[in-house]
Each structure stands twice: as C-alpha cells, then as structure tokens.
C-alpha cells in the first residue's frame, strides 16, 4: 500500500470512528462535499493531507543544542505525518510507571502525549504554507519545542491564549476542518484550554509560547517546583528552585516596593517581610522568570526595572 492509499484508508477509518462525517461511499463525491476537490482539481489542502508535496516536518532528538542523536524528515501526507511524529516522540522521551490503588500499572510519559499531539496538530493546521521552511520539532533531555512558520493572526496574542474565551482564527480552515472530522481536533478554539487541563497533571512542566515576527514556537519544559505558565518572552535560562506556591500577595507587595524604590535591596525586602534572604531570592526569581522584572547592573550598584505590571 503506497502512502496516498494508506492516508485515505486512515482518513476513512477515522471519520467512521468519530461519526462526524457520514461518507456517501464514493470518495470523489465525499472530497467534493468537503471542499477537497474544486472544478475537478484537488485543492492545496487535499494535496497536503493525502498527496506528495514539498512541505516537511523535521524532527530530531538532541543531547545538546549542537549534538543531535537522531533525526527524521517527514514529507508525506499530513494525515500520516501526525502518526509518524508521535511514534518518533514516543521513542525519544522517557516512559515511567505508577501503580494505582488496584495495583494496576499505569504508563506515565515524560510529557503528556495528548498535549504533544495537540501541539503537533496546532503547528500543522496553523503553518504558513507559502513559507518553504519546515515545521521543526526538537526533543531534548528535559524539553520539547515545536516551531512553525506563521505568527498569530488578526491581533490574537499570547495573552489571549491564557484565557478560556479567546476567539479562534484559522490560517488553514480546511485543514482544521478535516482534522476535526477525523477526531484529532475536538472543537475549534479549545486547544489551549485542553492543554492547560492536561498539564494540570504535570505540575513540574512549564508551558511556554513565543510569537516571533514570522514564526511561532511552543515548548514543554521540565522544571522542578513550578506552576503552569504561558509566557510571551520567558527568559532562556530557567532559574533553579523557584517555588510552586509563592504567596501572590507577597509578590504583589514586592513588585509595589520595587516600583517605589528601584534600588531596594534583598536585605531590605527580607526585613520587610520578616523572612530569610533565600526566601526573598526565590520570590525575586519567580518575578524575573515571569518576565515581570529584570536586574540592571550589578547586585550592589544596579537597580530593578519593571518590564510589565
């Protein structure tokens, strides 16, 4: 079975399982109804989903930024590409086990597979296919990053993605519709809502989104003792030992004190709250990590700069 036939067979199987599209029994008629054939010609979406094309997904396993262990280039039908990527990911992330109360073994992947699949689909559906650059997926010991050409559309911002009520905008509406009909995408505009739900079971994972000038990057990062954050321009070097449950009222007060006195010292802050220096240092690390403040200059002669409120 060639890749085109295999892609169509998988599509037919998936729509039958999802029940979201009732096939007429005639593939040609179904493709016309779905908008995959117009004027007796396959549309670009149909070529991407089921045919041969030059767009690609390049996925690699890295030990360091410079040291690649394994990689694969996928240029086949996108219907099949999702499965190929997921198989590569599962070969290259850790799998552990935990036992439930019934003494049954439960697989625990290093990263939630549902979240990874959603990120892959997001990259495929929202890629700018006029840009010849491939979707790039990099797997490191403690993180996965997915980068695709095409920034957020029509004023949608990273801040909007933090909410449960953002208005979804699709660059490739037909791709989104097909993956909805196959059951790969649950509902339009709910992907990030579900991601936050899945990641709630992984309290030591950071979820980072960055919208660049002409491409978009999503990352899952293992990080000890962190909550789940979505940051537009989070720093590249993640600080150590940032606590999961820093009292928000203390952070708010620290921020106000810094606004009023940009040269306030760690010692003054620790005295103000009657906590030790290490505690204040961790509070400051969290504010820096969230991109709210930064240190300008040296510890002794420098000052605090508030980046965002």
Foldseek 3Di string as FASTA:
>chain_A
DDQLVVLVVLLVVLLVVLVLDDDPPDPVVVCVVLVQADPNDGDPLVCQARHFDQAWEKEFEAADPPRTDDIDIDGHHPSCVLVVVLVVVVVRWDWDWDADPVRDIDIDTLADSLLVSLVVLCQVFAADVVDRDYFYWYHYHFKIKTKGWAFDPDPDDLVLLVDQDRDADTPRVSSVVSCCSSVSDPDGPCSSVVSLVRCVVVQQWEWEWEGDDTMIMIMIGGAPADGYDYAHCFDPDQDHDQHHDDPPVLLVVVVVVCVVPFLDALVNSCVVVVHDSVSSVSSVSVCVRNVQWDWDDDRHPTTIDGPHD
